[in-house]
Protein backbone atom coordinates (compact mmCIF):
# COMPACT_ATOMS: atom_id res chain seq x y z
CA UNK A 1 20.80 -19.61 20.38
CA UNK A 2 21.39 -16.05 20.04
CA UNK A 3 18.44 -13.91 19.68
CA UNK A 4 19.34 -10.11 18.01
CA UNK A 5 17.10 -7.27 16.68
CA UNK A 6 17.58 -6.58 13.12
CA UNK A 7 18.27 -2.97 12.52
CA UNK A 8 15.38 -2.61 9.78
CA UNK A 9 14.48 1.08 10.95
CA UNK A 10 18.25 2.31 10.04
CA UNK A 11 16.95 3.98 6.79
CA UNK A 12 18.29 3.15 3.06
CA UNK A 13 21.51 3.58 1.33
CA UNK A 14 21.52 3.38 -2.43
CA UNK A 15 25.19 5.11 -2.89
CA UNK A 16 26.82 1.61 -2.91
CA UNK A 17 26.10 -1.74 -4.30
CA UNK A 18 23.10 -3.25 -2.53
CA UNK A 19 25.24 -6.44 -1.90
CA UNK A 20 27.55 -4.68 0.21
CA UNK A 21 24.62 -3.21 2.89
CA UNK A 22 25.03 -5.08 6.01
CA UNK A 23 23.11 -2.41 8.41
CA UNK A 24 21.24 0.31 6.18
CA UNK A 25 18.34 -1.16 4.17
CA UNK A 26 18.33 -1.38 0.24
CA UNK A 27 14.34 0.21 -0.03
CA UNK A 28 11.70 1.61 2.06
CA UNK A 29 8.62 1.89 -0.29
CA UNK A 30 5.26 3.69 0.88
CA UNK A 31 6.58 3.96 4.69
CA UNK A 32 8.09 6.45 7.03
CA UNK A 33 9.96 6.09 10.14
CA UNK A 34 8.64 7.75 13.37
CA UNK A 35 10.05 9.37 16.51
CA UNK A 36 10.05 5.81 18.00
CA UNK A 37 11.90 4.36 15.09
CA UNK A 38 9.05 2.27 14.38
CA UNK A 39 8.17 1.84 10.49
CA UNK A 40 4.65 3.17 9.59
CA UNK A 41 2.75 3.00 6.32
CA UNK A 42 2.30 6.42 4.62
CA UNK A 43 -0.75 8.20 4.48
CA UNK A 44 -3.02 7.21 1.66
CA UNK A 45 -5.05 9.34 -0.97
CA UNK A 46 -8.82 9.94 -0.96
CA UNK A 47 -10.47 11.81 -3.78
CA UNK A 48 -11.67 15.66 -2.88
CA UNK A 49 -12.69 16.28 -6.61
CA UNK A 50 -12.37 15.21 -9.95
CA UNK A 51 -11.59 18.37 -12.45
CA UNK A 52 -12.65 16.44 -15.27
CA UNK A 53 -9.86 17.06 -17.45
CA UNK A 54 -8.28 13.28 -17.62
CA UNK A 55 -4.81 15.46 -17.48
CA UNK A 56 -2.01 16.17 -15.38
CA UNK A 57 -2.79 18.79 -12.62
CA UNK A 58 -0.05 21.17 -13.12
CA UNK A 59 -0.33 23.64 -10.02
CA UNK A 60 -2.31 23.86 -7.09
CA UNK A 61 -2.27 26.96 -4.92
CA UNK A 62 -3.95 27.92 -1.59
CA UNK A 63 -5.50 31.14 -1.80
CA UNK A 64 -6.15 32.51 1.71
CA UNK A 65 -7.89 35.64 1.18
CA UNK A 66 -10.71 33.72 -0.67
CA UNK A 67 -10.43 30.44 1.14
CA UNK A 68 -10.17 28.56 -2.33
CA UNK A 69 -7.59 26.15 -3.62
CA UNK A 70 -6.73 27.26 -7.42
CA UNK A 71 -6.19 24.37 -9.49
CA UNK A 72 -4.45 24.19 -13.22
CA UNK A 73 -5.11 21.32 -15.26
CA UNK A 74 -5.71 20.80 -18.88
CA UNK A 75 -4.70 24.30 -20.11
CA UNK A 76 -7.71 25.38 -17.52
CA UNK A 77 -7.96 27.29 -14.32
CA UNK A 78 -10.32 25.82 -11.69
CA UNK A 79 -11.36 26.96 -8.12
CA UNK A 80 -12.15 24.66 -5.35
CA UNK A 81 -14.20 26.43 -2.83
CA UNK A 82 -14.85 24.27 0.34
CA UNK A 83 -13.59 21.08 1.81
CA UNK A 84 -16.28 18.93 0.22
CA UNK A 85 -14.49 19.60 -3.09
CA UNK A 86 -16.90 22.01 -4.99
CA UNK A 87 -15.25 22.98 -7.90
CA UNK A 88 -15.88 25.22 -10.86
CA UNK A 89 -13.85 26.57 -14.01
CA UNK A 90 -12.90 29.78 -14.44
CA UNK A 91 -12.98 31.27 -17.90
CA UNK A 92 -10.09 32.46 -19.88
CA UNK A 93 -10.16 35.89 -22.10
CA UNK A 94 -6.73 35.04 -23.50
CA UNK A 95 -4.88 32.09 -23.94
CA UNK A 96 -4.73 28.58 -22.21
CA UNK A 97 -2.01 27.10 -20.07
CA UNK A 98 0.78 25.34 -21.14
CA UNK A 99 -0.10 21.62 -20.55
CA UNK A 100 2.26 19.42 -18.71
CA UNK A 101 4.22 22.11 -17.21
CA UNK A 102 4.25 23.21 -13.47
CA UNK A 103 2.61 26.65 -12.69
CA UNK A 104 3.78 28.93 -9.98
CA UNK A 105 1.92 31.54 -7.89
CA UNK A 106 2.07 34.85 -6.32
CA UNK A 107 -0.48 36.19 -3.98
CA UNK A 108 -1.79 39.70 -4.01
CA UNK A 109 -4.73 39.09 -2.05
CA UNK A 110 -7.18 40.62 -4.29
CA UNK A 111 -5.67 38.57 -7.32
CA UNK A 112 -3.49 35.49 -7.93
CA UNK A 113 -0.64 36.06 -10.65
CA UNK A 114 0.75 32.84 -12.02
CA UNK A 115 2.96 31.67 -14.81
CA UNK A 116 4.07 28.22 -16.37
CA UNK A 117 6.57 29.51 -19.05
CA UNK A 118 4.33 32.17 -21.04
CA UNK A 119 2.70 35.26 -20.10
CA UNK A 120 1.97 36.06 -16.34
CA UNK A 121 -1.87 35.41 -16.04
CA UNK A 122 -4.01 37.46 -13.64
CA UNK A 123 -6.62 35.18 -11.55
CA UNK A 124 -8.87 37.53 -10.08
CA UNK A 125 -11.16 37.18 -7.08
CA UNK A 126 -14.14 37.82 -9.51
CA UNK A 127 -14.30 37.80 -13.14
CA UNK A 128 -12.10 36.04 -15.83
CA UNK A 129 -8.36 34.72 -16.24
CA UNK A 130 -6.69 37.05 -18.23
CA UNK A 131 -3.00 37.46 -19.73
CA UNK A 132 -0.64 40.23 -18.67
CA UNK A 133 -1.53 43.05 -21.07
CA UNK A 134 1.24 45.51 -20.33
CA UNK A 135 3.94 45.37 -23.39
CA UNK A 136 7.01 45.88 -20.92
CA UNK A 137 5.82 42.78 -19.08
CA UNK A 138 8.16 39.35 -19.58
CA UNK A 139 6.55 36.85 -22.04
CA UNK A 140 8.21 33.68 -21.20
CA UNK A 141 7.97 33.38 -17.27
CA UNK A 142 8.36 30.27 -15.31
CA UNK A 143 8.34 31.68 -11.73
CA UNK A 144 6.62 34.78 -10.26
CA UNK A 145 7.06 35.93 -6.66
CA UNK A 146 6.09 39.16 -4.88
CA UNK A 147 8.36 41.42 -2.78
CA UNK A 148 7.62 44.73 -0.81
CA UNK A 149 4.52 45.00 -3.23
CA UNK A 150 6.34 44.47 -6.60
CA UNK A 151 5.37 41.69 -8.35
CA UNK A 152 8.57 39.58 -10.04
CA UNK A 153 9.04 37.34 -12.78
CA UNK A 154 12.00 35.55 -14.70
CA UNK A 155 12.68 35.63 -18.39
CA UNK A 156 13.26 32.28 -19.62
CA UNK A 157 16.72 31.78 -21.86
CA UNK A 158 18.25 34.93 -20.10
CA UNK A 159 19.59 35.89 -16.90
CA UNK A 160 17.12 38.58 -16.47
CA UNK A 161 14.23 39.19 -13.86
CA UNK A 162 11.65 41.87 -14.27
CA UNK A 163 9.47 43.56 -11.79
CA UNK A 164 6.22 45.73 -11.93
CA UNK A 165 5.50 49.21 -10.61
CA UNK A 166 5.04 49.32 -6.87
CA UNK A 167 1.62 48.31 -5.75
CA UNK A 168 0.55 47.89 -9.29
CA UNK A 169 0.93 44.36 -10.54
CA UNK A 170 -0.37 44.93 -14.09
CA UNK A 171 1.75 47.87 -14.70
CA UNK A 172 5.41 47.54 -15.91
CA UNK A 173 7.70 50.02 -17.02
CA UNK A 174 10.88 48.15 -18.29
CA UNK A 175 12.42 47.56 -15.02
CA UNK A 176 14.70 44.57 -15.23
CA UNK A 177 17.95 43.51 -13.71
CA UNK A 178 20.56 40.56 -14.45
CA UNK A 179 21.93 37.71 -12.28
CA UNK A 180 25.52 38.41 -13.92
CA UNK A 181 27.87 36.73 -11.44
CA UNK A 182 28.64 33.93 -13.76
CA UNK A 183 26.49 34.76 -16.96
CA UNK A 184 24.40 31.73 -16.73
CA UNK A 185 20.70 31.46 -17.56
CA UNK A 186 18.07 32.37 -14.83
CA UNK A 187 16.06 29.17 -14.24
CA UNK A 188 13.99 29.99 -11.29
CA UNK A 189 13.14 32.51 -8.89
CA UNK A 190 11.62 32.32 -5.06
CA UNK A 191 11.20 35.02 -2.46
CA UNK A 192 11.23 34.22 1.23
CA UNK A 193 12.46 36.01 4.25
CA UNK A 194 12.46 39.23 2.46
CA UNK A 195 15.33 37.64 -0.15
CA UNK A 196 15.17 37.24 -3.73
CA UNK A 197 16.92 33.83 -4.49
CA UNK A 198 17.74 33.63 -8.18
CA UNK A 199 18.77 30.20 -9.23
CA UNK A 200 20.68 29.81 -12.49
CA UNK A 201 22.47 26.88 -14.15
CA UNK A 202 25.45 26.82 -12.22
CA UNK A 203 24.93 29.60 -9.52
CA UNK A 204 22.48 30.83 -7.05
CA UNK A 205 22.32 34.71 -6.24
CA UNK A 206 20.65 36.55 -3.40
CA UNK A 207 19.20 39.79 -3.92
CA UNK A 208 17.11 42.28 -1.39
CA UNK A 209 15.27 45.54 -1.78
CA UNK A 210 17.70 48.32 -0.61
CA UNK A 211 14.99 50.89 -0.37
CA UNK A 212 15.98 52.78 -3.89
CA UNK A 213 17.51 50.94 -6.57
CA UNK A 214 15.10 48.86 -5.49
CA UNK A 215 16.83 45.49 -5.74
CA UNK A 216 20.54 44.68 -5.42
CA UNK A 217 22.52 41.42 -4.74
CA UNK A 218 23.64 40.97 -1.00
CA UNK A 219 27.38 41.45 -0.42
CA UNK A 220 27.95 37.86 0.23
CA UNK A 221 24.94 36.82 -1.90
CA UNK A 222 26.55 34.40 -4.00
CA UNK A 223 26.36 30.41 -4.14
CA UNK A 224 28.28 27.96 -6.49
CA UNK A 225 25.21 25.77 -7.14
CA UNK A 226 22.95 25.94 -10.03
CA UNK A 227 20.48 23.25 -11.27
CA UNK A 228 19.21 21.79 -14.50
CA UNK A 229 15.72 21.15 -13.06
CA UNK A 230 14.26 24.61 -12.72
CA UNK A 231 11.15 23.14 -10.83
CA UNK A 232 13.02 21.27 -8.27
CA UNK A 233 13.66 24.84 -6.42
CA UNK A 234 11.33 24.82 -3.30
CA UNK A 235 10.80 26.93 -0.07
CA UNK A 236 10.68 24.63 3.09
CA UNK A 237 8.51 26.49 5.22
CA UNK A 238 8.85 24.58 8.64
CA UNK A 239 12.96 24.29 8.16
CA UNK A 240 13.02 28.09 6.79
CA UNK A 241 15.38 27.08 3.85
CA UNK A 242 15.50 26.42 0.14
CA UNK A 243 16.26 23.11 -1.18
CA UNK A 244 16.72 21.94 -4.81
CA UNK A 245 18.41 19.49 -7.12
CA UNK A 246 21.82 20.89 -7.91
CA UNK A 247 23.60 20.67 -11.42
CA UNK A 248 25.56 17.63 -10.08
CA UNK A 249 22.13 15.74 -9.06
CA UNK A 250 22.59 16.07 -5.33
CA UNK A 251 19.82 17.49 -3.20
CA UNK A 252 21.02 20.46 -1.33
CA UNK A 253 19.44 22.87 1.52
CA UNK A 254 20.60 26.37 1.94
CA UNK A 255 22.16 27.26 5.44
CA UNK A 256 23.09 30.76 5.20
CA UNK A 257 25.18 31.00 1.98
CA UNK A 258 26.33 27.27 2.19
CA UNK A 259 24.45 24.63 0.18
CA UNK A 260 24.33 21.45 2.46
CA UNK A 261 24.04 18.24 0.76
CA UNK A 262 20.92 16.13 1.53
CA UNK A 263 21.30 13.16 -0.70
CA UNK A 264 24.56 11.53 -0.14
CA UNK A 265 22.80 8.05 0.67
CA UNK A 266 20.96 8.53 -2.57
CA UNK A 267 23.68 9.96 -4.95
CA UNK A 268 24.30 6.97 -6.93
CA UNK A 269 20.65 6.21 -7.33
CA UNK A 270 19.80 9.59 -8.85
CA UNK A 271 22.92 9.47 -10.92
CA UNK A 272 21.60 6.44 -12.67
CA UNK A 273 18.36 8.11 -13.74
CA UNK A 274 18.31 8.82 -17.38
CA UNK A 275 16.98 12.27 -17.07
CA UNK A 276 16.45 14.59 -14.29
CA UNK A 277 15.57 18.04 -16.08
CA UNK A 278 11.88 17.34 -15.34
CA UNK A 279 12.43 16.94 -11.56
CA UNK A 280 9.52 18.82 -9.50
CA UNK A 281 10.26 19.79 -5.88
CA UNK A 282 7.65 20.24 -3.24
CA UNK A 283 7.39 20.72 0.59
CA UNK A 284 4.43 19.26 2.63
CA UNK A 285 3.51 18.53 5.89
CA UNK A 286 1.36 15.13 6.37
CA UNK A 287 0.46 13.87 9.79
CA UNK A 288 2.56 16.50 11.43
CA UNK A 289 5.78 15.90 9.63
CA UNK A 290 7.52 17.85 7.28
CA UNK A 291 8.71 15.99 3.87
CA UNK A 292 10.63 17.37 0.71
CA UNK A 293 9.15 15.33 -2.30
CA UNK A 294 11.10 15.21 -5.50
CA UNK A 295 9.29 13.63 -8.59
CA UNK A 296 11.06 12.29 -11.22
CA UNK A 297 8.57 11.94 -14.30
CA UNK A 298 11.14 10.64 -17.00
CA UNK A 299 12.35 8.07 -14.48
CA UNK A 300 8.61 7.45 -13.12
CA UNK A 301 9.95 7.54 -9.51
CA UNK A 302 9.40 9.87 -6.35
CA UNK A 303 11.95 10.32 -3.69
CA UNK A 304 10.72 11.53 -0.15
CA UNK A 305 13.18 13.30 2.33
CA UNK A 306 11.74 12.90 5.98
CA UNK A 307 12.97 16.09 7.93
CA UNK A 308 12.43 14.49 11.16
CA UNK A 309 13.97 11.40 10.83
CA UNK A 310 16.59 12.73 8.30
CA UNK A 311 15.88 9.76 6.37
CA UNK A 312 15.24 9.09 2.56
CA UNK A 313 12.35 6.90 1.28
CA UNK A 314 10.42 6.14 -1.98
CA UNK A 315 6.56 6.68 -2.38
CA UNK A 316 4.91 5.30 -5.25
CA UNK A 317 1.95 4.00 -7.03
CA UNK A 318 1.56 0.03 -7.37
CA UNK A 319 0.65 -1.37 -10.67
CA UNK A 320 -0.91 -4.73 -9.76
CA UNK A 321 -1.16 -5.84 -13.18
CA UNK A 322 2.76 -5.49 -13.52
CA UNK A 323 3.74 -6.05 -10.20
CA UNK A 324 5.68 -2.94 -10.14
CA UNK A 325 5.92 0.53 -8.57
CA UNK A 326 5.61 3.83 -10.52
CA UNK A 327 5.66 7.57 -9.71
CA UNK A 328 3.73 8.61 -7.01
CA UNK A 329 0.35 9.77 -7.82
CA UNK A 330 0.70 13.14 -6.35
CA UNK A 331 2.45 15.66 -8.88
CA UNK A 332 1.91 18.96 -7.26
CA UNK A 333 0.73 19.91 -3.63
CA UNK A 334 -0.72 22.52 -1.30
CA UNK A 335 -2.05 22.95 2.35
CA UNK A 336 -5.17 24.38 3.50
CA UNK A 337 -4.83 25.46 6.67
CA UNK A 338 -8.74 26.76 6.81
CA UNK A 339 -9.85 22.74 5.54
CA UNK A 340 -6.83 21.22 7.57
CA UNK A 341 -5.97 19.27 4.36
CA UNK A 342 -2.89 18.49 2.48
CA UNK A 343 -3.97 18.04 -0.94
CA UNK A 344 -2.18 16.15 -4.15
CA UNK A 345 -3.09 16.82 -7.40
CA UNK A 346 -2.70 13.93 -9.78
CA UNK A 347 0.00 13.38 -12.41
CA UNK A 348 -2.01 12.23 -15.05
CA UNK A 349 -5.95 11.99 -14.57
CA UNK A 350 -7.40 15.47 -13.43
CA UNK A 351 -8.04 14.46 -9.63
CA UNK A 352 -7.34 16.31 -6.53
CA UNK A 353 -6.56 14.33 -3.37
CA UNK A 354 -6.63 14.52 0.22
CA UNK A 355 -4.04 12.85 2.31
CA UNK A 356 -5.51 10.49 4.94
CA UNK A 357 -3.64 9.16 7.79
CA UNK A 358 -6.44 6.25 8.40
CA UNK A 359 -6.50 5.58 4.66
CA UNK A 360 -4.22 2.77 3.18
CA UNK A 361 -5.39 3.00 -0.43
CA UNK A 362 -4.52 5.39 -3.02
CA UNK A 363 -8.06 6.51 -4.30
CA UNK A 364 -9.20 2.79 -3.78
CA UNK A 365 -6.07 1.50 -5.62
CA UNK A 366 -3.66 -0.90 -3.78
CA UNK A 367 -1.06 0.55 -1.58
CA UNK A 368 2.10 -2.02 -1.35
CA UNK A 369 4.45 -0.78 1.49
CA UNK A 370 7.44 -2.70 1.33
CA UNK A 371 10.61 -2.81 3.19
CA UNK A 372 14.00 -4.48 1.97
CA UNK A 373 16.66 -4.90 4.38
CA UNK A 374 20.29 -5.28 4.59
CA UNK A 375 22.24 -8.38 3.97
CA UNK A 376 22.76 -9.71 7.73
CA UNK A 377 25.56 -11.60 8.14
CA UNK A 378 25.75 -11.07 12.31
CA UNK A 379 29.28 -9.86 12.06
CA UNK A 380 30.72 -12.81 10.07
CA UNK A 381 30.77 -14.06 6.48
CA UNK A 382 32.72 -17.01 7.59
CA UNK A 383 30.38 -18.91 9.60
CA UNK A 384 27.17 -20.63 8.27
CA UNK A 385 23.92 -19.54 10.37
CA UNK A 386 20.80 -21.57 10.81
CA UNK A 387 17.48 -19.42 11.45
CA UNK A 388 15.59 -20.83 14.22
CA UNK A 389 12.82 -18.32 14.27
CA UNK A 390 11.75 -14.46 13.19
CA UNK A 391 9.96 -12.73 15.52
CA UNK A 392 8.01 -9.63 15.19
CA UNK A 393 6.34 -6.95 17.11
CA UNK A 394 3.76 -5.20 15.25
CA UNK A 395 1.29 -2.53 16.26
CA UNK A 396 -1.75 -1.85 14.15
CA UNK A 397 -2.31 1.44 15.52
CA UNK A 398 -5.91 1.99 14.87
CA UNK A 399 -9.00 -0.16 14.91
CA UNK A 400 -10.53 -0.98 11.46
CA UNK A 401 -14.28 -1.94 10.89
CA UNK A 402 -13.74 -4.81 8.00
CA UNK A 403 -13.95 -8.42 9.51
CA UNK A 404 -11.09 -9.93 8.00
CA UNK A 405 -7.21 -10.14 9.07
CA UNK A 406 -4.50 -8.95 7.02
CA UNK A 407 -1.07 -10.63 6.09
CA UNK A 408 2.14 -9.32 6.41
CA UNK A 409 4.40 -11.12 3.60
CA UNK A 410 8.08 -11.92 4.08
CA UNK A 411 10.51 -13.47 1.83
CA UNK A 412 14.24 -13.85 1.55
CA UNK A 413 17.35 -14.17 -0.49
CA UNK A 414 20.81 -15.49 0.50
CA UNK A 415 24.47 -15.03 0.00
CA UNK A 416 23.90 -12.43 -2.69
CA UNK A 417 21.70 -14.34 -4.71
CA UNK A 418 19.34 -12.38 -6.95
CA UNK A 419 16.29 -14.92 -6.84
CA UNK A 420 14.02 -14.65 -3.80
CA UNK A 421 12.55 -17.78 -2.19
CA UNK A 422 9.05 -18.21 -1.90
CA UNK A 423 6.90 -15.77 0.32
CA UNK A 424 6.12 -16.54 4.01
CA UNK A 425 2.80 -15.00 5.89
CA UNK A 426 2.34 -13.50 8.93
CA UNK A 427 -1.07 -13.57 9.70
CA UNK A 428 -2.00 -10.48 11.80
CA UNK A 429 -4.61 -9.91 14.57
CA UNK A 430 -8.30 -9.81 14.25
CA UNK A 431 -10.19 -6.64 14.24
CA UNK A 432 -9.95 -4.62 17.60
CA UNK A 433 -6.48 -5.53 18.56
CA UNK A 434 -3.76 -3.16 18.59
CA UNK A 435 -0.47 -5.13 19.25
CA UNK A 436 0.51 -8.75 18.09
CA UNK A 437 3.53 -10.50 17.83
CA UNK A 438 4.01 -13.16 15.11
CA UNK A 439 6.72 -15.71 14.43
CA UNK A 440 8.24 -17.63 11.35
CA UNK A 441 10.20 -20.82 12.30
CA UNK A 442 12.85 -22.84 10.79
CA UNK A 443 14.30 -20.65 7.69
CA UNK A 444 17.18 -22.72 6.46
CA UNK A 445 20.77 -21.94 6.60
CA UNK A 446 22.98 -18.96 5.17
CA UNK A 447 26.15 -17.00 5.49
CA UNK A 448 24.27 -13.67 4.63
CA UNK A 449 20.62 -12.97 4.19
CA UNK A 450 18.07 -10.20 2.95
CA UNK A 451 14.58 -9.78 4.02
CA UNK A 452 11.80 -8.23 2.12
CA UNK A 453 8.60 -7.54 3.90
CA UNK A 454 5.42 -6.12 2.41
CA UNK A 455 1.66 -5.44 3.11
CA UNK A 456 -0.82 -4.60 0.23
CA UNK A 457 -3.89 -5.35 2.53
CA UNK A 458 -5.88 -1.54 3.25
CA UNK A 459 -5.00 -1.42 7.16
CA UNK A 460 -2.76 0.28 8.90
CA UNK A 461 0.58 -1.43 10.20
CA UNK A 462 3.54 -0.24 12.66
CA UNK A 463 6.45 -2.67 12.73
CA UNK A 464 7.98 -2.21 16.05
CA UNK A 465 10.56 -4.83 15.95
CA UNK A 466 12.02 -7.85 14.03
CA UNK A 467 14.09 -10.35 15.81
CA UNK A 468 16.02 -13.33 14.61
CA UNK A 469 16.97 -16.41 16.74
CA UNK A 470 19.72 -18.50 15.05
CA UNK A 471 22.67 -20.86 15.64
CA UNK A 472 26.22 -20.63 14.22
CA UNK A 473 27.41 -24.01 12.58
CA UNK A 474 29.71 -25.42 14.83
C-alpha cells in the first residue's frame, strides 16, 4: 500500500497533447504557486469606481505629480482623485479617443501626453483635454514616450518615429528618424533605461540620445524579433526588461540584445489561437508578486506569467450560466504607490477595480479556481492501480466571518477518457481553523488517472499537498 505525493504544483505544459502529461499539469486557472510550492487562489477584484460608460476601459495611468489615476473609456477621459474612487470626467476640446483601442501615456509632470491611434492628446493638470495642434506633429500615433525632455511618438503604417522640440512637447519642427534596418513597419515604441526600443513587424531596434543628432541606433542595437501585436510590448519594472509576443507567437523577454523565450510550455496553445494581433501585454505586481499578463480578446483568454515561480497560469471570468471561463475582467492595469493599490480597468463595463488579497470573487461574481493535473500512472502503464484514499492538506490562510463551510470539489477521469466521473466533495473546516486534512476513499481502479480540483466558494484556499494511497494489482 504505497502512499505517494502527487506533484500538483509543478506548473502546466500546453505544448504537448494533454494525455501525455505525467508530471506537469494541464490547467491552472485563477491560482498562483507561492514560494513554498503551495497553490493559492489569485486575488479577487473589488470595485473602486464606475466610470459610467458601459464600455471597455482602454487605459489607466498613475499620474504621480497629481496623485491621480487617468482613465480612458467610451472615448472620454476621467480622473480618479483619491483611494475612495472619487471620479470626474475631463472635457475634451477636440476629438474623442478611439473606442476599444489601448491608450499609451507619457508623463511630463505638468501634463500627460497620450495616444491610441490618432493625434497625440494633452491632458493638463487643469483645463480640458486637447489634440496636438502643431502641423508637424504625427497624426496616427499608437505609442508615446519621453526621453531627455523630448516627447516621442511613432507614425503608424510607416517605419518613422518623431520627436518634439526639447523641453516643449507641444512644439514640433518636423524632426523624425526611420527604423530602417529591415524596412518593416514600426508598430510600437517604448523608452526605459535611457533607451528607445522600436518594435517592428520583424525586428527590434535600440536607439539612444547621442547629445547632438539627437537620436541614433546603438552599434549592437538590432534584434531579429518583431511582433504582430503592437500592444503586447511592455516594460517589466521589477525585472528591468522588455517583453512582448513576437511574430512567431512566442512570448520573449529581452536580455541585453537577446530575446529569451518564456512561453515554450505554452507554444502549442497560443499557436492554436485564431488571432493574436489584438494581444494586450501588461506588467503588474499583486500581493508582492510580479506578473506578466497577456490578454487575447479575440480568443477570450488571459495568460499570466509568474516571474517568481517561472510558471504560467490562466486567469479568467467564470460564467456560471454556461459553466465556462472567459477572458479575465481586467483589460488594462496600473499601480498607485500612494494608495498602495494595483488597479484593473474592466474589459467591457466601464468599471475600475482594485485587486484584493482577501477577496475571492470578481466584483461579487464567482471566482472558480481550478487545477487539472497530469495523467498519473505511478511509473507504469502496465499495472492496474486501486486507489484506496486521497489525502489533502489544505490551509485557509485567513479567517472569514461567514458561518459556513466551503467545499473543495474533486473529480477524475481514467485511461485517457474524455468524460469525467461524478464530483466528490471535500468539506473544509469551519470558521476559525487555518489548517485541515481532508480525505476521499475508495476511488476505483485505473492504469492512468487525471484529477480536477475546483473551489467556487468565496474563501481563501492554500493547497499544500495531495497524496494518494494505492495498491498495484497482483
